[in-house]
């Protein structure tokens, strides 16, 4: 047997869901288990289990599965790229341990936050709180043995406004790797009011006339774009599967020279981890610099095949590790937002994200902005709703005319191969010379 590894996970999590002031859910979950991989030739064997006393048995099973797969269907031998041993430094500091706060106090605070969102015009509200404390132990047949414990916490508020058959929703959320101090770092009451105000204002907004416009994307929408349209395209498994428009383009100019993009799991954002699920130390990866594609995101297997550095192998729970982003962002440049609006002169300013679709193989996308504003003569004017942004990834990247100096990060969970993992994405404001806009309603 060439290689095997084991991940042991123990977690405690709590969630609270309020719906129009009523408690819809309070849950506490405790779990422990492990996943085991074994490599033989070009084949993997994988086993997950909840009974840690059967760890040795699971390893034996994983080895048998790998050997059976190797014998039945010979594959090219897998060469795992070496990894840098992690040194656990600069871990997130917890100021207020959520475990020390009674659940009654958490429910009361969440209820007060939700109540703040019930302004005139709002018909329904929802508030969510979640926390988790997870310990991850990783060991492998190369002698690596490392462990960390990490706290994740966050809240989300949504408010629905209604008028004359028209429903609009405003949402705000904050998640991070910290303690209960998240409510002091981010003014949850102000965010609740903002969500409600957005929903009410959208009732009065108009829908855009479809066409090609110069646009400015705010930090959230530009962050979603770089995550969805670029981030997934640089995941090396997609490259090897022929499902990336960026395949074979390392060293090519794929974007405006103003664009620099990084993925950095060492940042204390929601996608943080001190080492990935193959034990590789977390460090920043330069994806695009001066518009030139510099690297893909790798596991040990893909780094062995394509060359590169492995540090982005991640799994949800006891699932099989696959290549995932962490904290992915467009770096700051120099332009101030006011200057950018002035330079735009006439166009559309898009804010927020309501999801969308991307085809990383064909390099096309369609995203829905939370809202927009018409810009006339360098001034932000009439509000818009139900605005979609679509186009070709490489064309948009090359049409970036300005990059701001005001990067912000937004957190969420990214889905791939049936797994969800915490991530953050971000950007400063960016000015795109032309983009296709339409109604997304």
Protein backbone atom coordinates (compact mmCIF):
# COMPACT_ATOMS: atom_id res chain seq x y z
CA UNK A 1 0.00 0.00 0.00
CA UNK A 2 1.50 3.30 -1.14
CA UNK A 3 -0.39 5.82 0.97
CA UNK A 4 -3.23 6.17 3.44
CA UNK A 5 -4.63 8.94 5.59
CA UNK A 6 -7.22 9.46 8.30
CA UNK A 7 -9.33 12.45 9.33
CA UNK A 8 -11.07 12.35 12.72
CA UNK A 9 -13.75 14.98 13.34
CA UNK A 10 -15.62 15.93 16.50
CA UNK A 11 -18.17 18.75 16.43
CA UNK A 12 -20.78 20.51 18.52
CA UNK A 13 -23.22 22.83 16.78
CA UNK A 14 -26.23 24.97 17.71
CA UNK A 15 -28.76 26.69 15.49
CA UNK A 16 -31.77 28.91 16.11
CA UNK A 17 -34.38 29.87 13.53
CA UNK A 18 -37.05 32.52 14.16
CA UNK A 19 -39.96 33.08 11.78
CA UNK A 20 -42.04 36.23 12.30
CA UNK A 21 -41.05 36.31 15.94
CA UNK A 22 -41.88 32.67 16.62
CA UNK A 23 -39.27 30.05 17.38
CA UNK A 24 -39.27 27.62 14.46
CA UNK A 25 -36.20 25.67 15.48
CA UNK A 26 -33.65 25.30 18.23
CA UNK A 27 -31.22 22.45 17.71
CA UNK A 28 -28.06 21.10 19.26
CA UNK A 29 -26.02 18.52 17.41
CA UNK A 30 -23.08 16.46 18.62
CA UNK A 31 -21.16 14.29 16.20
CA UNK A 32 -17.91 12.40 15.89
CA UNK A 33 -16.56 10.23 13.16
CA UNK A 34 -13.79 9.76 10.67
CA UNK A 35 -12.91 9.21 7.06
CA UNK A 36 -10.11 6.99 5.77
CA UNK A 37 -8.47 6.92 2.34
CA UNK A 38 -6.03 4.43 0.88
CA UNK A 39 -4.18 4.68 -2.44
CA UNK A 40 -3.04 1.72 -4.51
CA UNK A 41 -1.58 2.34 -7.96
CA UNK A 42 -4.06 4.68 -9.61
CA UNK A 43 -7.05 3.82 -7.43
CA UNK A 44 -8.44 5.18 -4.18
CA UNK A 45 -10.39 3.34 -1.52
CA UNK A 46 -12.53 5.50 0.77
CA UNK A 47 -14.47 4.68 3.94
CA UNK A 48 -16.35 6.93 6.38
CA UNK A 49 -17.48 5.85 9.84
CA UNK A 50 -19.05 7.15 13.05
CA UNK A 51 -17.68 4.52 15.43
CA UNK A 52 -14.08 5.55 16.08
CA UNK A 53 -13.35 2.19 17.74
CA UNK A 54 -13.53 0.64 14.26
CA UNK A 55 -10.89 2.93 12.75
CA UNK A 56 -8.37 0.13 12.13
CA UNK A 57 -11.08 -1.99 10.53
CA UNK A 58 -12.06 0.93 8.28
CA UNK A 59 -8.45 1.36 7.18
CA UNK A 60 -8.29 -2.32 6.26
CA UNK A 61 -11.49 -1.95 4.25
CA UNK A 62 -10.18 1.14 2.44
CA UNK A 63 -7.01 -0.76 1.49
CA UNK A 64 -9.04 -3.70 0.16
CA UNK A 65 -11.26 -1.35 -1.89
CA UNK A 66 -8.23 0.37 -3.40
CA UNK A 67 -6.56 -2.94 -4.26
CA UNK A 68 -9.75 -4.35 -5.77
CA UNK A 69 -10.26 -1.24 -7.91
CA UNK A 70 -6.60 -1.39 -9.02
CA UNK A 71 -6.84 -5.07 -9.98
CA UNK A 72 -10.14 -4.72 -11.85
CA UNK A 73 -9.27 -1.60 -13.81
CA UNK A 74 -5.64 -0.60 -14.10
CA UNK A 75 -5.18 3.16 -14.06
CA UNK A 76 -2.22 5.45 -14.45
CA UNK A 77 -0.30 5.53 -11.19
CA UNK A 78 -1.11 8.52 -9.00
CA UNK A 79 1.89 10.52 -7.79
CA UNK A 80 1.03 12.73 -4.83
CA UNK A 81 2.80 16.07 -4.75
CA UNK A 82 4.71 16.78 -1.51
CA UNK A 83 3.14 19.15 0.98
CA UNK A 84 4.50 21.58 3.52
CA UNK A 85 3.98 20.48 7.12
CA UNK A 86 1.61 22.91 8.87
CA UNK A 87 2.73 24.95 11.86
CA UNK A 88 -0.29 26.11 13.81
CA UNK A 89 0.33 29.81 14.28
CA UNK A 90 -1.93 32.87 14.19
CA UNK A 91 -5.10 30.92 14.95
CA UNK A 92 -8.29 33.02 15.28
CA UNK A 93 -8.72 34.39 18.78
CA UNK A 94 -12.07 33.88 20.50
CA UNK A 95 -13.00 36.78 22.79
CA UNK A 96 -16.45 35.58 23.87
CA UNK A 97 -16.97 31.83 23.96
CA UNK A 98 -20.46 31.08 22.56
CA UNK A 99 -20.57 28.00 24.78
CA UNK A 100 -20.56 30.25 27.86
CA UNK A 101 -23.74 32.06 26.80
CA UNK A 102 -27.12 30.49 27.72
CA UNK A 103 -29.34 29.51 24.80
CA UNK A 104 -32.08 31.73 26.26
CA UNK A 105 -29.83 34.78 25.82
CA UNK A 106 -29.05 33.81 22.24
CA UNK A 107 -32.75 33.45 21.40
CA UNK A 108 -33.56 36.77 23.09
CA UNK A 109 -30.85 38.63 21.17
CA UNK A 110 -31.92 37.08 17.86
CA UNK A 111 -35.56 37.98 18.60
CA UNK A 112 -34.62 41.61 19.26
CA UNK A 113 -32.63 41.73 16.02
CA UNK A 114 -35.50 40.28 14.02
CA UNK A 115 -37.94 42.75 15.61
CA UNK A 116 -35.78 45.60 14.30
CA UNK A 117 -36.52 44.47 10.74
CA UNK A 118 -40.30 44.84 11.15
CA UNK A 119 -40.59 48.36 9.77
CA UNK A 120 -43.61 49.71 7.86
CA UNK A 121 -44.18 47.75 4.67
CA UNK A 122 -42.56 44.53 5.89
CA UNK A 123 -44.87 41.53 5.90
CA UNK A 124 -42.59 38.78 7.18
CA UNK A 125 -39.18 38.35 8.73
CA UNK A 126 -36.76 35.50 9.40
CA UNK A 127 -33.65 35.41 11.57
CA UNK A 128 -31.09 32.62 11.83
CA UNK A 129 -28.20 32.04 14.23
CA UNK A 130 -25.63 29.24 14.00
CA UNK A 131 -22.46 28.25 15.79
CA UNK A 132 -20.16 25.25 15.62
CA UNK A 133 -17.05 24.08 17.40
CA UNK A 134 -15.09 21.48 15.43
CA UNK A 135 -11.88 19.61 16.13
CA UNK A 136 -10.09 18.08 13.15
CA UNK A 137 -7.24 15.59 13.49
CA UNK A 138 -5.33 14.56 10.37
CA UNK A 139 -2.69 11.84 10.09
CA UNK A 140 -1.15 9.93 7.21
CA UNK A 141 1.27 7.13 6.37
CA UNK A 142 4.04 9.67 5.74
CA UNK A 143 4.17 10.45 9.46
CA UNK A 144 2.16 13.67 9.45
CA UNK A 145 -0.07 14.14 12.51
CA UNK A 146 -1.75 17.51 13.15
CA UNK A 147 -4.89 18.89 14.79
CA UNK A 148 -6.84 22.11 15.18
CA UNK A 149 -10.04 23.30 16.84
CA UNK A 150 -12.07 26.04 15.16
CA UNK A 151 -15.17 28.02 16.06
CA UNK A 152 -17.53 29.21 13.30
CA UNK A 153 -20.45 31.50 14.02
CA UNK A 154 -22.91 33.70 12.19
CA UNK A 155 -26.36 35.18 11.73
CA UNK A 156 -28.68 36.08 8.89
CA UNK A 157 -31.76 38.30 8.64
CA UNK A 158 -34.28 38.48 5.81
CA UNK A 159 -37.30 40.74 5.42
CA UNK A 160 -40.09 40.49 2.84
CA UNK A 161 -42.03 43.57 1.70
CA UNK A 162 -45.35 43.36 -0.15
CA UNK A 163 -47.46 45.82 -2.10
CA UNK A 164 -50.11 45.30 -4.79
CA UNK A 165 -49.08 41.77 -5.65
CA UNK A 166 -45.36 42.57 -5.63
CA UNK A 167 -43.04 40.82 -3.18
CA UNK A 168 -39.47 41.97 -2.59
CA UNK A 169 -36.88 40.66 -0.17
CA UNK A 170 -33.87 42.15 1.59
CA UNK A 171 -31.17 39.99 3.16
CA UNK A 172 -28.12 40.58 5.32
CA UNK A 173 -25.78 38.05 6.92
CA UNK A 174 -22.42 37.83 8.61
CA UNK A 175 -20.44 34.64 9.33
CA UNK A 176 -16.91 34.21 10.55
CA UNK A 177 -14.27 32.35 12.56
CA UNK A 178 -14.65 34.10 15.89
CA UNK A 179 -16.77 34.07 19.02
CA UNK A 180 -19.98 35.76 20.14
CA UNK A 181 -18.20 39.08 19.64
CA UNK A 182 -19.43 38.84 16.04
CA UNK A 183 -22.48 40.79 17.21
CA UNK A 184 -20.24 43.64 18.34
CA UNK A 185 -18.03 43.57 15.28
CA UNK A 186 -21.06 43.79 12.99
CA UNK A 187 -24.05 45.90 14.05
CA UNK A 188 -26.73 43.23 13.68
CA UNK A 189 -29.54 45.68 14.45
CA UNK A 190 -28.40 48.08 11.77
CA UNK A 191 -28.09 45.17 9.32
CA UNK A 192 -31.66 44.11 10.14
CA UNK A 193 -32.90 47.62 9.41
CA UNK A 194 -30.86 47.65 6.20
CA UNK A 195 -32.42 44.38 5.02
CA UNK A 196 -35.91 45.71 5.68
CA UNK A 197 -35.22 49.09 4.08
CA UNK A 198 -33.84 47.39 0.97
CA UNK A 199 -36.98 45.26 0.61
CA UNK A 200 -39.28 48.29 0.94
CA UNK A 201 -37.23 50.40 -1.46
CA UNK A 202 -37.28 47.62 -4.06
CA UNK A 203 -41.08 47.85 -4.19
CA UNK A 204 -40.70 51.31 -5.72
CA UNK A 205 -37.85 50.41 -8.07
CA UNK A 206 -38.30 49.89 -11.80
CA UNK A 207 -37.07 47.00 -13.95
CA UNK A 208 -34.29 47.72 -16.44
CA UNK A 209 -34.53 47.74 -20.17
CA UNK A 210 -32.32 44.94 -21.48
CA UNK A 211 -29.16 45.86 -23.33
CA UNK A 212 -25.42 46.42 -23.13
CA UNK A 213 -24.30 48.98 -20.54
CA UNK A 214 -21.16 50.17 -18.81
CA UNK A 215 -21.51 48.98 -15.21
CA UNK A 216 -20.00 49.22 -11.77
CA UNK A 217 -20.23 46.09 -9.61
CA UNK A 218 -20.22 46.49 -5.86
CA UNK A 219 -17.96 44.39 -3.63
CA UNK A 220 -20.50 41.61 -3.09
CA UNK A 221 -21.49 41.10 -6.73
CA UNK A 222 -17.89 41.37 -7.97
CA UNK A 223 -16.88 38.87 -5.28
CA UNK A 224 -19.57 36.43 -6.39
CA UNK A 225 -18.43 36.87 -9.98
CA UNK A 226 -14.79 36.10 -9.18
CA UNK A 227 -15.80 33.09 -7.07
CA UNK A 228 -18.28 31.56 -9.49
CA UNK A 229 -16.94 32.51 -12.92
CA UNK A 230 -13.19 32.40 -12.18
CA UNK A 231 -12.71 30.44 -8.95
CA UNK A 232 -14.43 27.27 -10.15
CA UNK A 233 -12.60 27.49 -13.47
CA UNK A 234 -9.21 27.39 -11.69
CA UNK A 235 -10.05 24.28 -9.66
CA UNK A 236 -7.63 21.74 -11.13
CA UNK A 237 -10.10 18.84 -11.13
CA UNK A 238 -12.32 20.86 -13.48
CA UNK A 239 -9.25 21.60 -15.61
CA UNK A 240 -8.36 17.89 -15.86
CA UNK A 241 -11.98 17.01 -16.67
CA UNK A 242 -11.97 19.48 -19.58
CA UNK A 243 -14.55 21.57 -17.79
CA UNK A 244 -12.64 24.86 -17.53
CA UNK A 245 -12.29 27.70 -20.00
CA UNK A 246 -8.88 28.38 -18.39
CA UNK A 247 -7.38 25.00 -19.23
CA UNK A 248 -3.93 25.41 -20.81
CA UNK A 249 -3.85 29.16 -20.13
CA UNK A 250 -1.24 29.36 -17.32
CA UNK A 251 1.01 32.29 -18.23
CA UNK A 252 -1.58 33.81 -20.60
CA UNK A 253 -3.06 37.29 -20.29
CA UNK A 254 -6.70 36.47 -19.48
CA UNK A 255 -7.80 39.72 -17.82
CA UNK A 256 -7.18 43.44 -17.64
CA UNK A 257 -3.73 44.26 -16.18
CA UNK A 258 -5.65 45.91 -13.32
CA UNK A 259 -6.87 42.51 -12.09
CA UNK A 260 -5.14 40.48 -9.35
CA UNK A 261 -6.98 37.51 -7.81
CA UNK A 262 -5.95 35.43 -4.78
CA UNK A 263 -7.24 32.48 -2.80
CA UNK A 264 -6.07 32.62 0.80
CA UNK A 265 -7.21 30.08 3.44
CA UNK A 266 -4.92 31.72 6.03
CA UNK A 267 -7.14 34.84 6.16
CA UNK A 268 -9.38 34.90 9.23
CA UNK A 269 -12.51 34.88 7.09
CA UNK A 270 -15.26 32.26 6.92
CA UNK A 271 -13.26 30.08 4.51
CA UNK A 272 -10.29 29.90 6.90
CA UNK A 273 -8.47 26.70 7.80
CA UNK A 274 -4.95 26.23 9.27
CA UNK A 275 -4.38 23.16 7.08
CA UNK A 276 -6.53 21.54 4.42
CA UNK A 277 -8.07 18.06 4.55
CA UNK A 278 -4.87 16.50 3.21
CA UNK A 279 -2.76 18.15 5.91
CA UNK A 280 -1.31 20.87 3.65
CA UNK A 281 -0.45 24.17 5.36
CA UNK A 282 -2.69 27.08 4.41
CA UNK A 283 -1.05 29.84 2.38
CA UNK A 284 -2.11 32.38 -0.21
CA UNK A 285 -2.26 31.23 -3.83
CA UNK A 286 -1.84 33.81 -6.58
CA UNK A 287 -4.40 32.97 -9.25
CA UNK A 288 -4.18 36.07 -11.46
CA UNK A 289 -1.55 38.83 -11.31
CA UNK A 290 -1.47 41.84 -13.63
CA UNK A 291 -4.16 40.05 -15.61
CA UNK A 292 -1.97 36.96 -16.18
CA UNK A 293 -3.18 33.51 -15.06
CA UNK A 294 -0.57 32.23 -12.60
CA UNK A 295 -1.92 29.09 -10.97
CA UNK A 296 -4.75 26.62 -10.46
CA UNK A 297 -6.08 25.39 -7.10
CA UNK A 298 -4.81 21.92 -6.28
CA UNK A 299 -5.10 18.73 -4.29
CA UNK A 300 -2.00 16.57 -3.89
CA UNK A 301 -3.17 14.40 -6.78
CA UNK A 302 -3.75 17.24 -9.27
CA UNK A 303 -0.56 19.03 -8.21
CA UNK A 304 1.29 15.79 -8.96
CA UNK A 305 -0.27 15.68 -12.43
CA UNK A 306 -0.16 19.33 -13.44
CA UNK A 307 2.56 20.78 -11.26
CA UNK A 308 1.68 23.35 -8.63
CA UNK A 309 1.21 23.51 -4.89
CA UNK A 310 -1.49 21.62 -3.01
CA UNK A 311 -3.43 23.51 -0.34
CA UNK A 312 -7.10 23.45 -1.38
CA UNK A 313 -8.34 19.92 -0.69
CA UNK A 314 -11.50 20.19 1.44
CA UNK A 315 -14.40 18.02 2.55
CA UNK A 316 -17.76 18.49 4.22
CA UNK A 317 -17.76 16.35 7.33
CA UNK A 318 -16.66 12.78 6.64
CA UNK A 319 -16.97 13.10 2.85
CA UNK A 320 -14.18 12.56 0.33
CA UNK A 321 -11.85 15.59 0.00
CA UNK A 322 -12.12 17.48 -3.28
CA UNK A 323 -10.62 20.73 -4.57
CA UNK A 324 -12.39 23.77 -3.15
CA UNK A 325 -11.84 27.49 -2.81
CA UNK A 326 -11.35 29.15 0.59
CA UNK A 327 -11.25 32.96 0.71
CA UNK A 328 -11.15 34.15 -2.91
CA UNK A 329 -10.93 37.80 -3.84
CA UNK A 330 -9.94 40.53 -6.26
CA UNK A 331 -7.18 42.64 -4.71
CA UNK A 332 -7.50 46.38 -4.09
CA UNK A 333 -6.17 48.90 -6.59
CA UNK A 334 -6.23 52.70 -6.17
CA UNK A 335 -9.47 54.25 -7.43
CA UNK A 336 -11.98 55.71 -5.01
CA UNK A 337 -15.64 54.84 -5.47
CA UNK A 338 -16.70 58.47 -6.06
CA UNK A 339 -14.09 58.78 -8.81
CA UNK A 340 -15.33 55.57 -10.37
CA UNK A 341 -18.94 56.76 -10.46
CA UNK A 342 -17.81 60.06 -11.94
CA UNK A 343 -15.79 58.29 -14.63
CA UNK A 344 -18.70 55.97 -15.45
CA UNK A 345 -20.81 59.06 -16.31
CA UNK A 346 -23.80 57.14 -17.68
CA UNK A 347 -24.43 53.49 -16.88
CA UNK A 348 -25.68 51.12 -14.19
CA UNK A 349 -24.46 50.54 -10.63
CA UNK A 350 -25.23 46.99 -9.44
CA UNK A 351 -25.34 45.99 -5.77
CA UNK A 352 -25.62 42.67 -3.99
CA UNK A 353 -26.24 39.16 -5.26
CA UNK A 354 -29.18 36.81 -5.51
CA UNK A 355 -27.31 33.90 -7.00
CA UNK A 356 -27.10 32.77 -10.59
CA UNK A 357 -25.57 30.21 -12.89
CA UNK A 358 -22.15 29.68 -14.43
CA UNK A 359 -20.71 27.23 -16.93
CA UNK A 360 -16.98 27.13 -16.20
CA UNK A 361 -16.34 24.93 -19.24
CA UNK A 362 -17.90 27.33 -21.73
CA UNK A 363 -17.01 30.44 -19.76
CA UNK A 364 -20.51 31.93 -19.68
CA UNK A 365 -22.48 33.16 -16.67
CA UNK A 366 -25.68 34.81 -15.53
CA UNK A 367 -25.99 36.44 -12.09
CA UNK A 368 -28.87 38.25 -10.45
CA UNK A 369 -28.07 41.47 -8.61
CA UNK A 370 -30.03 42.34 -5.50
CA UNK A 371 -30.67 45.78 -6.96
CA UNK A 372 -29.26 48.45 -9.22
CA UNK A 373 -29.18 52.20 -9.79
CA UNK A 374 -29.13 54.25 -12.95
CA UNK A 375 -26.09 56.53 -13.10
CA UNK A 376 -26.59 59.79 -15.05
CA UNK A 377 -23.90 62.39 -15.53
CA UNK A 378 -21.80 60.80 -12.81
CA UNK A 379 -24.63 60.80 -10.26
CA UNK A 380 -26.47 57.78 -8.75
CA UNK A 381 -30.18 58.24 -9.51
CA UNK A 382 -33.20 55.94 -10.01
CA UNK A 383 -33.30 52.50 -8.31
CA UNK A 384 -33.72 49.27 -10.28
CA UNK A 385 -34.86 45.80 -9.32
CA UNK A 386 -34.79 42.33 -10.91
CA UNK A 387 -31.51 43.04 -12.70
CA UNK A 388 -29.46 40.25 -14.26
CA UNK A 389 -25.84 40.41 -15.41
CA UNK A 390 -24.67 37.94 -18.03
CA UNK A 391 -21.82 37.45 -20.44
CA UNK A 392 -18.55 35.73 -21.19
CA UNK A 393 -16.09 35.42 -18.30
CA UNK A 394 -12.96 36.33 -20.28
CA UNK A 395 -14.66 39.25 -22.01
CA UNK A 396 -15.78 40.72 -18.68
CA UNK A 397 -12.31 40.25 -17.17
CA UNK A 398 -10.70 42.03 -20.10
CA UNK A 399 -13.28 44.84 -20.06
CA UNK A 400 -12.44 45.92 -16.49
CA UNK A 401 -11.61 49.63 -16.76
CA UNK A 402 -11.08 50.45 -13.08
CA UNK A 403 -10.60 48.67 -9.74
CA UNK A 404 -11.39 50.34 -6.44
CA UNK A 405 -9.55 50.55 -3.12
CA UNK A 406 -12.42 49.41 -0.88
CA UNK A 407 -12.40 45.59 -0.81
CA UNK A 408 -14.97 43.86 1.37
CA UNK A 409 -15.45 40.15 2.01
CA UNK A 410 -18.75 38.27 2.12
CA UNK A 411 -19.30 34.81 3.54
CA UNK A 412 -21.39 31.83 2.58
CA UNK A 413 -21.31 28.16 1.71
CA UNK A 414 -20.17 26.84 -1.65
CA UNK A 415 -21.65 23.71 -3.16
CA UNK A 416 -19.76 21.19 -5.29
CA UNK A 417 -20.18 17.44 -5.82
CA UNK A 418 -22.97 17.39 -3.22
CA UNK A 419 -20.79 18.98 -0.52
CA UNK A 420 -21.08 22.38 1.14
CA UNK A 421 -18.07 24.11 2.71
CA UNK A 422 -17.65 27.58 4.28
CA UNK A 423 -16.10 30.16 1.96
CA UNK A 424 -15.66 33.89 1.62
CA UNK A 425 -15.32 35.96 -1.52
CA UNK A 426 -14.71 39.62 -2.04
CA UNK A 427 -13.60 42.50 -4.17
CA UNK A 428 -13.41 46.26 -4.27
CA UNK A 429 -15.85 48.06 -6.59
CA UNK A 430 -14.97 47.38 -10.22
CA UNK A 431 -15.92 49.26 -13.40
CA UNK A 432 -16.65 47.08 -16.45
CA UNK A 433 -16.78 48.88 -19.80
CA UNK A 434 -19.69 46.82 -21.14
CA UNK A 435 -21.91 44.04 -19.87
CA UNK A 436 -25.25 42.51 -20.85
CA UNK A 437 -28.07 43.48 -18.48
CA UNK A 438 -31.62 42.24 -18.41
CA UNK A 439 -34.57 41.60 -16.11
CA UNK A 440 -34.14 38.68 -13.74
CA UNK A 441 -37.68 38.55 -12.43
